[in-house]
Amino acid sequence: MLWRIAKLCALLAVSAGTVAGCSKEKPQKIAPTPPVSATTAPETGRDGEELFKQYCAACHPNGDNVSDPDRTLHGSVLKKKQINTPEDIVRIMRKPLSRMIRFDAATLPDKDVRTIADYVLRTLK
């Protein structure tokens, strides 16, 4: 069921991007790529928010949990479950405890998983 929702969201995003790209206006200048920071995955150059939106937001919109409201990503819930470090989140992403999709290294490289974990701890307080 969740895969169907994720596929539908992906299809809608691609469709919206295609429609948005069909403009008669002149293309605007693209801003230069920001420098790599502690919250950017060096391997892909993508930041935590972008990675979170791509891989996590379908099941965890705004840090919530669509299938289990007791397992949100909000700081108070994470602390209660003794999830305090990026390594704790990486461990769960690699070997989920519940219905969560498993993100192996072939699907999501270690640096990207760590970037997502840092993003979650920093922003979903």
PDB file of N, CA and C in Angstrom:
ATOM      1  N   MET A   1       0.831  -1.187   0.000  1.00  0.00           N
ATOM      2  CA  MET A   1       0.000   0.000   0.000  1.00  0.00           C
ATOM      3  C   MET A   1       0.874   1.248   0.000  1.00  0.00           C
ATOM      4  N   LEU A   2       1.894   1.276   0.878  1.00  0.00           N
ATOM      5  CA  LEU A   2       2.771   2.441   0.938  1.00  0.00           C
ATOM      6  C   LEU A   2       3.563   2.613  -0.350  1.00  0.00           C
ATOM      7  N   TRP A   3       3.937   1.474  -0.961  1.00  0.00           N
ATOM      8  CA  TRP A   3       4.678   1.577  -2.228  1.00  0.00           C
ATOM      9  C   TRP A   3       3.793   2.203  -3.292  1.00  0.00           C
ATOM     10  N   ARG A   4       2.509   1.862  -3.291  1.00  0.00           N
ATOM     11  CA  ARG A   4       1.605   2.456  -4.273  1.00  0.00           C
ATOM     12  C   ARG A   4       1.508   3.964  -4.073  1.00  0.00           C
ATOM     13  N   ILE A   5       1.425   4.380  -2.814  1.00  0.00           N
ATOM     14  CA  ILE A   5       1.358   5.811  -2.520  1.00  0.00           C
ATOM     15  C   ILE A   5       2.654   6.491  -2.957  1.00  0.00           C
ATOM     16  N   ALA A   6       3.784   5.869  -2.653  1.00  0.00           N
ATOM     17  CA  ALA A   6       5.080   6.444  -3.029  1.00  0.00           C
ATOM     18  C   ALA A   6       5.204   6.535  -4.554  1.00  0.00           C
ATOM     19  N   LYS A   7       4.761   5.478  -5.259  1.00  0.00           N
ATOM     20  CA  LYS A   7       4.828   5.497  -6.720  1.00  0.00           C
ATOM     21  C   LYS A   7       3.926   6.593  -7.288  1.00  0.00           C
ATOM     22  N   LEU A   8       2.737   6.737  -6.701  1.00  0.00           N
ATOM     23  CA  LEU A   8       1.817   7.775  -7.158  1.00  0.00           C
ATOM     24  C   LEU A   8       2.423   9.153  -6.948  1.00  0.00           C
ATOM     25  N   CYS A   9       3.039   9.374  -5.772  1.00  0.00           N
ATOM     26  CA  CYS A   9       3.679  10.662  -5.493  1.00  0.00           C
ATOM     27  C   CYS A   9       4.804  10.935  -6.484  1.00  0.00           C
ATOM     28  N   ALA A  10       5.594   9.920  -6.781  1.00  0.00           N
ATOM     29  CA  ALA A  10       6.692  10.083  -7.733  1.00  0.00           C
ATOM     30  C   ALA A  10       6.152  10.418  -9.122  1.00  0.00           C
ATOM     31  N   LEU A  11       5.089   9.740  -9.527  1.00  0.00           N
ATOM     32  CA  LEU A  11       4.488   9.999 -10.826  1.00  0.00           C
ATOM     33  C   LEU A  11       3.944  11.421 -10.896  1.00  0.00           C
ATOM     34  N   LEU A  12       3.293  11.860  -9.830  1.00  0.00           N
ATOM     35  CA  LEU A  12       2.767  13.219  -9.794  1.00  0.00           C
ATOM     36  C   LEU A  12       3.893  14.252  -9.840  1.00  0.00           C
ATOM     37  N   ALA A  13       4.984  13.981  -9.140  1.00  0.00           N
ATOM     38  CA  ALA A  13       6.121  14.908  -9.140  1.00  0.00           C
ATOM     39  C   ALA A  13       6.727  15.024 -10.539  1.00  0.00           C
ATOM     40  N   VAL A  14       6.889  13.896 -11.213  1.00  0.00           N
ATOM     41  CA  VAL A  14       7.447  13.909 -12.570  1.00  0.00           C
ATOM     42  C   VAL A  14       6.499  14.648 -13.511  1.00  0.00           C
ATOM     43  N   SER A  15       5.203  14.385 -13.380  1.00  0.00           N
ATOM     44  CA  SER A  15       4.217  15.061 -14.232  1.00  0.00           C
ATOM     45  C   SER A  15       4.238  16.566 -13.998  1.00  0.00           C
ATOM     46  N   ALA A  16       4.282  16.976 -12.732  1.00  0.00           N
ATOM     47  CA  ALA A  16       4.316  18.404 -12.414  1.00  0.00           C
ATOM     48  C   ALA A  16       5.578  19.050 -12.972  1.00  0.00           C
ATOM     49  N   GLY A  17       6.694  18.359 -12.869  1.00  0.00           N
ATOM     50  CA  GLY A  17       7.942  18.888 -13.404  1.00  0.00           C
ATOM     51  C   GLY A  17       7.903  19.036 -14.913  1.00  0.00           C
ATOM     52  N   THR A  18       7.268  18.086 -15.574  1.00  0.00           N
ATOM     53  CA  THR A  18       7.142  18.152 -17.024  1.00  0.00           C
ATOM     54  C   THR A  18       6.267  19.330 -17.430  1.00  0.00           C
ATOM     55  N   VAL A  19       5.130  19.490 -16.768  1.00  0.00           N
ATOM     56  CA  VAL A  19       4.227  20.586 -17.083  1.00  0.00           C
ATOM     57  C   VAL A  19       4.893  21.925 -16.774  1.00  0.00           C
ATOM     58  N   ALA A  20       5.579  22.008 -15.633  1.00  0.00           N
ATOM     59  CA  ALA A  20       6.245  23.255 -15.247  1.00  0.00           C
ATOM     60  C   ALA A  20       7.350  23.617 -16.231  1.00  0.00           C
ATOM     61  N   GLY A  21       7.946  22.626 -16.865  1.00  0.00           N
ATOM     62  CA  GLY A  21       9.017  22.886 -17.811  1.00  0.00           C
ATOM     63  C   GLY A  21       8.533  23.382 -19.162  1.00  0.00           C
ATOM     64  N   CYS A  22       7.240  23.343 -19.396  1.00  0.00           N
ATOM     65  CA  CYS A  22       6.665  23.767 -20.677  1.00  0.00           C
ATOM     66  C   CYS A  22       6.252  25.227 -20.631  1.00  0.00           C
ATOM     67  N   SER A  23       7.156  26.080 -20.353  1.00  0.00           N
ATOM     68  CA  SER A  23       6.866  27.504 -20.249  1.00  0.00           C
ATOM     69  C   SER A  23       7.413  28.224 -21.468  1.00  0.00           C
ATOM     70  N   LYS A  24       6.751  29.331 -21.862  1.00  0.00           N
ATOM     71  CA  LYS A  24       7.209  30.128 -22.989  1.00  0.00           C
ATOM     72  C   LYS A  24       8.197  31.199 -22.538  1.00  0.00           C
ATOM     73  N   GLU A  25       8.401  31.310 -21.249  1.00  0.00           N
ATOM     74  CA  GLU A  25       9.325  32.311 -20.722  1.00  0.00           C
ATOM     75  C   GLU A  25      10.760  31.878 -20.972  1.00  0.00           C
ATOM     76  N   LYS A  26      11.640  32.871 -21.028  1.00  0.00           N
ATOM     77  CA  LYS A  26      13.053  32.579 -21.189  1.00  0.00           C
ATOM     78  C   LYS A  26      13.559  31.879 -19.934  1.00  0.00           C
ATOM     79  N   PRO A  27      14.473  30.917 -20.092  1.00  0.00           N
ATOM     80  CA  PRO A  27      15.025  30.269 -18.914  1.00  0.00           C
ATOM     81  C   PRO A  27      15.781  31.272 -18.045  1.00  0.00           C
ATOM     82  N   GLN A  28      15.650  31.117 -16.752  1.00  0.00           N
ATOM     83  CA  GLN A  28      16.342  32.006 -15.836  1.00  0.00           C
ATOM     84  C   GLN A  28      17.676  31.397 -15.450  1.00  0.00           C
ATOM     85  N   LYS A  29      18.578  32.268 -15.000  1.00  0.00           N
ATOM     86  CA  LYS A  29      19.878  31.788 -14.573  1.00  0.00           C
ATOM     87  C   LYS A  29      19.712  30.881 -13.368  1.00  0.00           C
ATOM     88  N   ILE A  30      20.498  29.841 -13.341  1.00  0.00           N
ATOM     89  CA  ILE A  30      20.483  28.921 -12.209  1.00  0.00           C
ATOM     90  C   ILE A  30      21.558  29.365 -11.239  1.00  0.00           C
ATOM     91  N   ALA A  31      21.179  29.405  -9.962  1.00  0.00           N
ATOM     92  CA  ALA A  31      22.133  29.807  -8.932  1.00  0.00           C
ATOM     93  C   ALA A  31      23.259  28.783  -8.857  1.00  0.00           C
ATOM     94  N   PRO A  32      24.453  29.224  -8.517  1.00  0.00           N
ATOM     95  CA  PRO A  32      25.564  28.275  -8.395  1.00  0.00           C
ATOM     96  C   PRO A  32      25.283  27.274  -7.280  1.00  0.00           C
ATOM     97  N   THR A  33      25.840  26.103  -7.432  1.00  0.00           N
ATOM     98  CA  THR A  33      25.675  25.062  -6.431  1.00  0.00           C
ATOM     99  C   THR A  33      26.329  25.497  -5.131  1.00  0.00           C
ATOM    100  N   PRO A  34      25.601  25.355  -3.996  1.00  0.00           N
ATOM    101  CA  PRO A  34      26.190  25.756  -2.721  1.00  0.00           C
ATOM    102  C   PRO A  34      27.359  24.852  -2.354  1.00  0.00           C
ATOM    103  N   PRO A  35      28.299  25.369  -1.567  1.00  0.00           N
ATOM    104  CA  PRO A  35      29.427  24.541  -1.164  1.00  0.00           C
ATOM    105  C   PRO A  35      28.956  23.386  -0.285  1.00  0.00           C
ATOM    106  N   VAL A  36      29.717  22.305  -0.309  1.00  0.00           N
ATOM    107  CA  VAL A  36      29.398  21.138   0.515  1.00  0.00           C
ATOM    108  C   VAL A  36      29.600  21.503   1.977  1.00  0.00           C
ATOM    109  N   SER A  37      28.612  21.172   2.798  1.00  0.00           N
ATOM    110  CA  SER A  37      28.704  21.460   4.228  1.00  0.00           C
ATOM    111  C   SER A  37      28.510  20.185   5.013  1.00  0.00           C
ATOM    112  N   ALA A  38      28.456  20.311   6.325  1.00  0.00           N
ATOM    113  CA  ALA A  38      28.270  19.147   7.187  1.00  0.00           C
ATOM    114  C   ALA A  38      26.903  18.511   6.974  1.00  0.00           C
ATOM    115  N   THR A  39      25.951  19.251   6.418  1.00  0.00           N
ATOM    116  CA  THR A  39      24.619  18.704   6.202  1.00  0.00           C
ATOM    117  C   THR A  39      24.398  18.312   4.745  1.00  0.00           C
ATOM    118  N   THR A  40      25.459  18.286   3.969  1.00  0.00           N
ATOM    119  CA  THR A  40      25.372  17.884   2.575  1.00  0.00           C
ATOM    120  C   THR A  40      26.148  16.588   2.403  1.00  0.00           C
ATOM    121  N   ALA A  41      25.545  15.652   1.694  1.00  0.00           N
ATOM    122  CA  ALA A  41      26.217  14.377   1.450  1.00  0.00           C
ATOM    123  C   ALA A  41      27.276  14.585   0.377  1.00  0.00           C
ATOM    124  N   PRO A  42      28.565  14.482   0.712  1.00  0.00           N
ATOM    125  CA  PRO A  42      29.627  14.725  -0.266  1.00  0.00           C
ATOM    126  C   PRO A  42      29.535  13.809  -1.481  1.00  0.00           C
ATOM    127  N   GLU A  43      29.089  12.575  -1.281  1.00  0.00           N
ATOM    128  CA  GLU A  43      29.042  11.609  -2.364  1.00  0.00           C
ATOM    129  C   GLU A  43      28.083  12.042  -3.471  1.00  0.00           C
ATOM    130  N   THR A  44      26.946  12.621  -3.084  1.00  0.00           N
ATOM    131  CA  THR A  44      25.944  13.005  -4.073  1.00  0.00           C
ATOM    132  C   THR A  44      25.800  14.508  -4.188  1.00  0.00           C
ATOM    133  N   GLY A  45      26.313  15.265  -3.221  1.00  0.00           N
ATOM    134  CA  GLY A  45      26.168  16.703  -3.233  1.00  0.00           C
ATOM    135  C   GLY A  45      24.772  17.166  -2.845  1.00  0.00           C
ATOM    136  N   ARG A  46      23.922  16.246  -2.399  1.00  0.00           N
ATOM    137  CA  ARG A  46      22.562  16.621  -2.019  1.00  0.00           C
ATOM    138  C   ARG A  46      22.491  16.834  -0.519  1.00  0.00           C
ATOM    139  N   ASP A  47      21.614  17.751  -0.117  1.00  0.00           N
ATOM    140  CA  ASP A  47      21.514  18.038   1.306  1.00  0.00           C
ATOM    141  C   ASP A  47      20.480  17.136   1.976  1.00  0.00           C
ATOM    142  N   GLY A  48      20.449  17.201   3.304  1.00  0.00           N
ATOM    143  CA  GLY A  48      19.582  16.333   4.091  1.00  0.00           C
ATOM    144  C   GLY A  48      18.114  16.516   3.782  1.00  0.00           C
ATOM    145  N   GLU A  49      17.697  17.759   3.586  1.00  0.00           N
ATOM    146  CA  GLU A  49      16.282  18.005   3.296  1.00  0.00           C
ATOM    147  C   GLU A  49      15.869  17.354   1.980  1.00  0.00           C
ATOM    148  N   GLU A  50      16.691  17.516   0.968  1.00  0.00           N
ATOM    149  CA  GLU A  50      16.391  16.924  -0.341  1.00  0.00           C
ATOM    150  C   GLU A  50      16.327  15.398  -0.249  1.00  0.00           C
ATOM    151  N   LEU A  51      17.302  14.802   0.423  1.00  0.00           N
ATOM    152  CA  LEU A  51      17.327  13.343   0.582  1.00  0.00           C
ATOM    153  C   LEU A  51      16.131  12.866   1.402  1.00  0.00           C
ATOM    154  N   PHE A  52      15.804  13.597   2.474  1.00  0.00           N
ATOM    155  CA  PHE A  52      14.659  13.238   3.310  1.00  0.00           C
ATOM    156  C   PHE A  52      13.378  13.260   2.480  1.00  0.00           C
ATOM    157  N   LYS A  53      13.207  14.306   1.684  1.00  0.00           N
ATOM    158  CA  LYS A  53      12.005  14.405   0.855  1.00  0.00           C
ATOM    159  C   LYS A  53      11.913  13.245  -0.129  1.00  0.00           C
ATOM    160  N   GLN A  54      13.034  12.853  -0.707  1.00  0.00           N
ATOM    161  CA  GLN A  54      13.026  11.784  -1.698  1.00  0.00           C
ATOM    162  C   GLN A  54      12.779  10.416  -1.077  1.00  0.00           C
ATOM    163  N   TYR A  55      13.438  10.121   0.047  1.00  0.00           N
ATOM    164  CA  TYR A  55      13.396   8.772   0.588  1.00  0.00           C
ATOM    165  C   TYR A  55      12.481   8.583   1.797  1.00  0.00           C
ATOM    166  N   CYS A  56      12.167   9.636   2.518  1.00  0.00           N
ATOM    167  CA  CYS A  56      11.491   9.468   3.810  1.00  0.00           C
ATOM    168  C   CYS A  56      10.127  10.136   3.909  1.00  0.00           C
ATOM    169  N   ALA A  57       9.955  11.258   3.232  1.00  0.00           N
ATOM    170  CA  ALA A  57       8.771  12.093   3.446  1.00  0.00           C
ATOM    171  C   ALA A  57       7.452  11.402   3.100  1.00  0.00           C
ATOM    172  N   ALA A  58       7.450  10.444   2.196  1.00  0.00           N
ATOM    173  CA  ALA A  58       6.202   9.752   1.856  1.00  0.00           C
ATOM    174  C   ALA A  58       5.611   9.057   3.076  1.00  0.00           C
ATOM    175  N   CYS A  59       6.463   8.495   3.909  1.00  0.00           N
ATOM    176  CA  CYS A  59       6.001   7.801   5.120  1.00  0.00           C
ATOM    177  C   CYS A  59       6.112   8.675   6.362  1.00  0.00           C
ATOM    178  N   HIS A  60       6.976   9.680   6.315  1.00  0.00           N
ATOM    179  CA  HIS A  60       7.218  10.560   7.472  1.00  0.00           C
ATOM    180  C   HIS A  60       7.015  12.031   7.104  1.00  0.00           C
ATOM    181  N   PRO A  61       5.812  12.393   6.612  1.00  0.00           N
ATOM    182  CA  PRO A  61       5.597  13.809   6.268  1.00  0.00           C
ATOM    183  C   PRO A  61       5.701  14.687   7.517  1.00  0.00           C
ATOM    184  N   ASN A  62       6.513  15.719   7.427  1.00  0.00           N
ATOM    185  CA  ASN A  62       6.741  16.631   8.560  1.00  0.00           C
ATOM    186  C   ASN A  62       7.209  15.909   9.818  1.00  0.00           C
ATOM    187  N   GLY A  63       7.845  14.761   9.655  1.00  0.00           N
ATOM    188  CA  GLY A  63       8.350  14.005  10.793  1.00  0.00           C
ATOM    189  C   GLY A  63       7.331  13.075  11.408  1.00  0.00           C
ATOM    190  N   ASP A  64       6.103  13.082  10.908  1.00  0.00           N
ATOM    191  CA  ASP A  64       5.075  12.181  11.423  1.00  0.00           C
ATOM    192  C   ASP A  64       5.310  10.775  10.879  1.00  0.00           C
ATOM    193  N   ASN A  65       4.373   9.870  11.110  1.00  0.00           N
ATOM    194  CA  ASN A  65       4.483   8.507  10.617  1.00  0.00           C
ATOM    195  C   ASN A  65       3.102   8.074  10.152  1.00  0.00           C
ATOM    196  N   VAL A  66       2.940   7.822   8.857  1.00  0.00           N
ATOM    197  CA  VAL A  66       1.625   7.504   8.306  1.00  0.00           C
ATOM    198  C   VAL A  66       1.119   6.125   8.707  1.00  0.00           C
ATOM    199  N   SER A  67       2.006   5.205   9.024  1.00  0.00           N
ATOM    200  CA  SER A  67       1.559   3.854   9.369  1.00  0.00           C
ATOM    201  C   SER A  67       1.565   3.573  10.866  1.00  0.00           C
ATOM    202  N   ASP A  68       2.310   4.347  11.653  1.00  0.00           N
ATOM    203  CA  ASP A  68       2.376   4.124  13.091  1.00  0.00           C
ATOM    204  C   ASP A  68       2.605   5.457  13.800  1.00  0.00           C
ATOM    205  N   PRO A  69       1.526   6.114  14.236  1.00  0.00           N
ATOM    206  CA  PRO A  69       1.636   7.440  14.850  1.00  0.00           C
ATOM    207  C   PRO A  69       2.519   7.487  16.095  1.00  0.00           C
ATOM    208  N   ASP A  70       2.811   6.348  16.687  1.00  0.00           N
ATOM    209  CA  ASP A  70       3.670   6.316  17.873  1.00  0.00           C
ATOM    210  C   ASP A  70       5.156   6.314  17.519  1.00  0.00           C
ATOM    211  N   ARG A  71       5.489   6.189  16.247  1.00  0.00           N
ATOM    212  CA  ARG A  71       6.890   6.141  15.805  1.00  0.00           C
ATOM    213  C   ARG A  71       7.219   7.320  14.902  1.00  0.00           C
ATOM    214  N   THR A  72       6.991   8.526  15.400  1.00  0.00           N
ATOM    215  CA  THR A  72       7.328   9.708  14.612  1.00  0.00           C
ATOM    216  C   THR A  72       8.819   9.991  14.724  1.00  0.00           C
ATOM    217  N   LEU A  73       9.265  10.991  13.988  1.00  0.00           N
ATOM    218  CA  LEU A  73      10.671  11.381  14.014  1.00  0.00           C
ATOM    219  C   LEU A  73      10.893  12.649  14.826  1.00  0.00           C
ATOM    220  N   HIS A  74       9.902  13.042  15.586  1.00  0.00           N
ATOM    221  CA  HIS A  74      10.025  14.243  16.406  1.00  0.00           C
ATOM    222  C   HIS A  74      10.947  13.968  17.590  1.00  0.00           C
ATOM    223  N   GLY A  75      11.711  14.990  17.962  1.00  0.00           N
ATOM    224  CA  GLY A  75      12.742  14.857  18.984  1.00  0.00           C
ATOM    225  C   GLY A  75      12.290  14.214  20.272  1.00  0.00           C
ATOM    226  N   SER A  76      11.122  14.600  20.783  1.00  0.00           N
ATOM    227  CA  SER A  76      10.663  14.039  22.057  1.00  0.00           C
ATOM    228  C   SER A  76      10.406  12.539  21.948  1.00  0.00           C
ATOM    229  N   VAL A  77       9.875  12.100  20.820  1.00  0.00           N
ATOM    230  CA  VAL A  77       9.615  10.673  20.610  1.00  0.00           C
ATOM    231  C   VAL A  77      10.930   9.922  20.445  1.00  0.00           C
ATOM    232  N   LEU A  78      11.850  10.489  19.667  1.00  0.00           N
ATOM    233  CA  LEU A  78      13.148   9.839  19.475  1.00  0.00           C
ATOM    234  C   LEU A  78      13.876   9.687  20.810  1.00  0.00           C
ATOM    235  N   LYS A  79      13.868  10.743  21.621  1.00  0.00           N
ATOM    236  CA  LYS A  79      14.546  10.673  22.925  1.00  0.00           C
ATOM    237  C   LYS A  79      13.920   9.618  23.815  1.00  0.00           C
ATOM    238  N   LYS A  80      12.594   9.547  23.797  1.00  0.00           N
ATOM    239  CA  LYS A  80      11.898   8.560  24.621  1.00  0.00           C
ATOM    240  C   LYS A  80      12.285   7.140  24.206  1.00  0.00           C
ATOM    241  N   LYS A  81      12.556   6.951  22.922  1.00  0.00           N
ATOM    242  CA  LYS A  81      12.937   5.638  22.395  1.00  0.00           C
ATOM    243  C   LYS A  81      14.450   5.455  22.369  1.00  0.00           C
ATOM    244  N   GLN A  82      15.173   6.391  23.022  1.00  0.00           N
ATOM    245  CA  GLN A  82      16.633   6.333  23.144  1.00  0.00           C
ATOM    246  C   GLN A  82      17.333   6.384  21.783  1.00  0.00           C
ATOM    247  N   ILE A  83      16.779   7.182  20.892  1.00  0.00           N
ATOM    248  CA  ILE A  83      17.385   7.431  19.580  1.00  0.00           C
ATOM    249  C   ILE A  83      17.920   8.852  19.648  1.00  0.00           C
ATOM    250  N   ASN A  84      19.213   8.979  19.969  1.00  0.00           N
ATOM    251  CA  ASN A  84      19.800  10.282  20.261  1.00  0.00           C
ATOM    252  C   ASN A  84      20.901  10.724  19.308  1.00  0.00           C
ATOM    253  N   THR A  85      21.442   9.815  18.529  1.00  0.00           N
ATOM    254  CA  THR A  85      22.583  10.135  17.681  1.00  0.00           C
ATOM    255  C   THR A  85      22.282   9.784  16.224  1.00  0.00           C
ATOM    256  N   PRO A  86      23.033  10.362  15.303  1.00  0.00           N
ATOM    257  CA  PRO A  86      22.864   9.978  13.899  1.00  0.00           C
ATOM    258  C   PRO A  86      23.078   8.471  13.692  1.00  0.00           C
ATOM    259  N   GLU A  87      23.996   7.905  14.444  1.00  0.00           N
ATOM    260  CA  GLU A  87      24.274   6.479  14.316  1.00  0.00           C
ATOM    261  C   GLU A  87      23.045   5.641  14.676  1.00  0.00           C
ATOM    262  N   ASP A  88      22.264   6.100  15.663  1.00  0.00           N
ATOM    263  CA  ASP A  88      21.034   5.392  16.034  1.00  0.00           C
ATOM    264  C   ASP A  88      20.059   5.369  14.861  1.00  0.00           C
ATOM    265  N   ILE A  89      19.929   6.502  14.179  1.00  0.00           N
ATOM    266  CA  ILE A  89      19.008   6.588  13.038  1.00  0.00           C
ATOM    267  C   ILE A  89      19.536   5.757  11.874  1.00  0.00           C
ATOM    268  N   VAL A  90      20.840   5.812  11.627  1.00  0.00           N
ATOM    269  CA  VAL A  90      21.439   5.009  10.554  1.00  0.00           C
ATOM    270  C   VAL A  90      21.175   3.533  10.811  1.00  0.00           C
ATOM    271  N   ARG A  91      21.373   3.097  12.044  1.00  0.00           N
ATOM    272  CA  ARG A  91      21.147   1.687  12.403  1.00  0.00           C
ATOM    273  C   ARG A  91      19.705   1.275  12.092  1.00  0.00           C
ATOM    274  N   ILE A  92      18.742   2.141  12.418  1.00  0.00           N
ATOM    275  CA  ILE A  92      17.338   1.826  12.173  1.00  0.00           C
ATOM    276  C   ILE A  92      17.031   1.829  10.677  1.00  0.00           C
ATOM    277  N   MET A  93      17.626   2.746   9.940  1.00  0.00           N
ATOM    278  CA  MET A  93      17.396   2.767   8.491  1.00  0.00           C
ATOM    279  C   MET A  93      17.957   1.513   7.823  1.00  0.00           C
ATOM    280  N   ARG A  94      19.065   1.024   8.340  1.00  0.00           N
ATOM    281  CA  ARG A  94      19.681  -0.182   7.769  1.00  0.00           C
ATOM    282  C   ARG A  94      18.965  -1.460   8.207  1.00  0.00           C
ATOM    283  N   LYS A  95      18.473  -1.480   9.469  1.00  0.00           N
ATOM    284  CA  LYS A  95      17.778  -2.657  10.006  1.00  0.00           C
ATOM    285  C   LYS A  95      16.554  -2.176  10.784  1.00  0.00           C
ATOM    286  N   PRO A  96      15.460  -1.875  10.067  1.00  0.00           N
ATOM    287  CA  PRO A  96      14.269  -1.320  10.718  1.00  0.00           C
ATOM    288  C   PRO A  96      13.674  -2.265  11.764  1.00  0.00           C
ATOM    289  N   LEU A  97      13.024  -1.651  12.750  1.00  0.00           N
ATOM    290  CA  LEU A  97      12.420  -2.406  13.839  1.00  0.00           C
ATOM    291  C   LEU A  97      10.955  -2.740  13.567  1.00  0.00           C
ATOM    292  N   SER A  98      10.363  -2.095  12.597  1.00  0.00           N
ATOM    293  CA  SER A  98       8.934  -2.299  12.361  1.00  0.00           C
ATOM    294  C   SER A  98       8.670  -2.453  10.868  1.00  0.00           C
ATOM    295  N   ARG A  99       7.581  -1.858  10.410  1.00  0.00           N
ATOM    296  CA  ARG A  99       7.165  -1.965   9.003  1.00  0.00           C
ATOM    297  C   ARG A  99       7.979  -1.088   8.071  1.00  0.00           C
ATOM    298  N   MET A 100       8.932  -0.372   8.588  1.00  0.00           N
ATOM    299  CA  MET A 100       9.710   0.558   7.779  1.00  0.00           C
ATOM    300  C   MET A 100      10.483  -0.170   6.681  1.00  0.00           C
ATOM    301  N   ILE A 101      10.627   0.505   5.561  1.00  0.00           N
ATOM    302  CA  ILE A 101      11.406  -0.026   4.443  1.00  0.00           C
ATOM    303  C   ILE A 101      12.874  -0.037   4.839  1.00  0.00           C
ATOM    304  N   ARG A 102      13.582  -1.099   4.472  1.00  0.00           N
ATOM    305  CA  ARG A 102      15.012  -1.210   4.762  1.00  0.00           C
ATOM    306  C   ARG A 102      15.788  -0.492   3.661  1.00  0.00           C
ATOM    307  N   PHE A 103      16.707   0.383   4.079  1.00  0.00           N
ATOM    308  CA  PHE A 103      17.554   1.108   3.137  1.00  0.00           C
ATOM    309  C   PHE A 103      18.959   0.527   3.192  1.00  0.00           C
ATOM    310  N   ASP A 104      19.249  -0.399   2.271  1.00  0.00           N
ATOM    311  CA  ASP A 104      20.593  -0.990   2.252  1.00  0.00           C
ATOM    312  C   ASP A 104      21.554  -0.055   1.524  1.00  0.00           C
ATOM    313  N   ALA A 105      22.829  -0.376   1.596  1.00  0.00           N
ATOM    314  CA  ALA A 105      23.866   0.492   1.021  1.00  0.00           C
ATOM    315  C   ALA A 105      23.729   0.629  -0.494  1.00  0.00           C
ATOM    316  N   ALA A 106      23.167  -0.364  -1.155  1.00  0.00           N
ATOM    317  CA  ALA A 106      22.979  -0.275  -2.604  1.00  0.00           C
ATOM    318  C   ALA A 106      21.881   0.736  -2.946  1.00  0.00           C
ATOM    319  N   THR A 107      20.906   0.866  -2.070  1.00  0.00           N
ATOM    320  CA  THR A 107      19.808   1.805  -2.288  1.00  0.00           C
ATOM    321  C   THR A 107      20.202   3.212  -1.889  1.00  0.00           C
ATOM    322  N   LEU A 108      20.866   3.334  -0.753  1.00  0.00           N
ATOM    323  CA  LEU A 108      21.210   4.633  -0.197  1.00  0.00           C
ATOM    324  C   LEU A 108      22.603   4.536   0.435  1.00  0.00           C
ATOM    325  N   PRO A 109      23.602   5.191  -0.158  1.00  0.00           N
ATOM    326  CA  PRO A 109      24.976   5.117   0.355  1.00  0.00           C
ATOM    327  C   PRO A 109      25.086   5.612   1.800  1.00  0.00           C
ATOM    328  N   ASP A 110      26.109   5.143   2.500  1.00  0.00           N
ATOM    329  CA  ASP A 110      26.328   5.496   3.902  1.00  0.00           C
ATOM    330  C   ASP A 110      26.334   7.006   4.138  1.00  0.00           C
ATOM    331  N   LYS A 111      26.987   7.753   3.272  1.00  0.00           N
ATOM    332  CA  LYS A 111      27.067   9.206   3.466  1.00  0.00           C
ATOM    333  C   LYS A 111      25.688   9.856   3.359  1.00  0.00           C
ATOM    334  N   ASP A 112      24.848   9.351   2.457  1.00  0.00           N
ATOM    335  CA  ASP A 112      23.503   9.896   2.318  1.00  0.00           C
ATOM    336  C   ASP A 112      22.639   9.552   3.532  1.00  0.00           C
ATOM    337  N   VAL A 113      22.771   8.329   4.020  1.00  0.00           N
ATOM    338  CA  VAL A 113      22.012   7.917   5.204  1.00  0.00           C
ATOM    339  C   VAL A 113      22.419   8.793   6.390  1.00  0.00           C
ATOM    340  N   ARG A 114      23.701   9.036   6.530  1.00  0.00           N
ATOM    341  CA  ARG A 114      24.192   9.883   7.627  1.00  0.00           C
ATOM    342  C   ARG A 114      23.682  11.323   7.468  1.00  0.00           C
ATOM    343  N   THR A 115      23.634  11.815   6.247  1.00  0.00           N
ATOM    344  CA  THR A 115      23.134  13.162   5.997  1.00  0.00           C
ATOM    345  C   THR A 115      21.662  13.266   6.376  1.00  0.00           C
ATOM    346  N   ILE A 116      20.874  12.252   6.050  1.00  0.00           N
ATOM    347  CA  ILE A 116      19.465  12.229   6.441  1.00  0.00           C
ATOM    348  C   ILE A 116      19.344  12.206   7.957  1.00  0.00           C
ATOM    349  N   ALA A 117      20.141  11.372   8.612  1.00  0.00           N
ATOM    350  CA  ALA A 117      20.092  11.271  10.077  1.00  0.00           C
ATOM    351  C   ALA A 117      20.423  12.607  10.729  1.00  0.00           C
ATOM    352  N   ASP A 118      21.447  13.277  10.244  1.00  0.00           N
ATOM    353  CA  ASP A 118      21.804  14.602  10.774  1.00  0.00           C
ATOM    354  C   ASP A 118      20.657  15.588  10.576  1.00  0.00           C
ATOM    355  N   TYR A 119      20.045  15.543   9.408  1.00  0.00           N
ATOM    356  CA  TYR A 119      18.920  16.437   9.102  1.00  0.00           C
ATOM    357  C   TYR A 119      17.757  16.193  10.074  1.00  0.00           C
ATOM    358  N   VAL A 120      17.409  14.943  10.293  1.00  0.00           N
ATOM    359  CA  VAL A 120      16.299  14.595  11.190  1.00  0.00           C
ATOM    360  C   VAL A 120      16.566  15.139  12.596  1.00  0.00           C
ATOM    361  N   LEU A 121      17.747  14.889  13.116  1.00  0.00           N
ATOM    362  CA  LEU A 121      18.065  15.333  14.480  1.00  0.00           C
ATOM    363  C   LEU A 121      18.132  16.854  14.587  1.00  0.00           C
ATOM    364  N   ARG A 122      18.562  17.504  13.522  1.00  0.00           N
ATOM    365  CA  ARG A 122      18.704  18.956  13.544  1.00  0.00           C
ATOM    366  C   ARG A 122      17.373  19.686  13.356  1.00  0.00           C
ATOM    367  N   THR A 123      16.488  19.160  12.544  1.00  0.00           N
ATOM    368  CA  THR A 123      15.300  19.928  12.179  1.00  0.00           C
ATOM    369  C   THR A 123      13.988  19.452  12.801  1.00  0.00           C
ATOM    370  N   LEU A 124      13.875  18.196  13.105  1.00  0.00           N
ATOM    371  CA  LEU A 124      12.593  17.664  13.615  1.00  0.00           C
ATOM    372  C   LEU A 124      12.632  17.594  15.135  1.00  0.00           C
ATOM    373  N   LYS A 125      12.747  18.734  15.752  1.00  0.00           N
ATOM    374  CA  LYS A 125      12.893  18.810  17.203  1.00  0.00           C
ATOM    375  C   LYS A 125      11.596  18.657  17.855  1.00  0.00           C
TER     376      LYS A 125
END
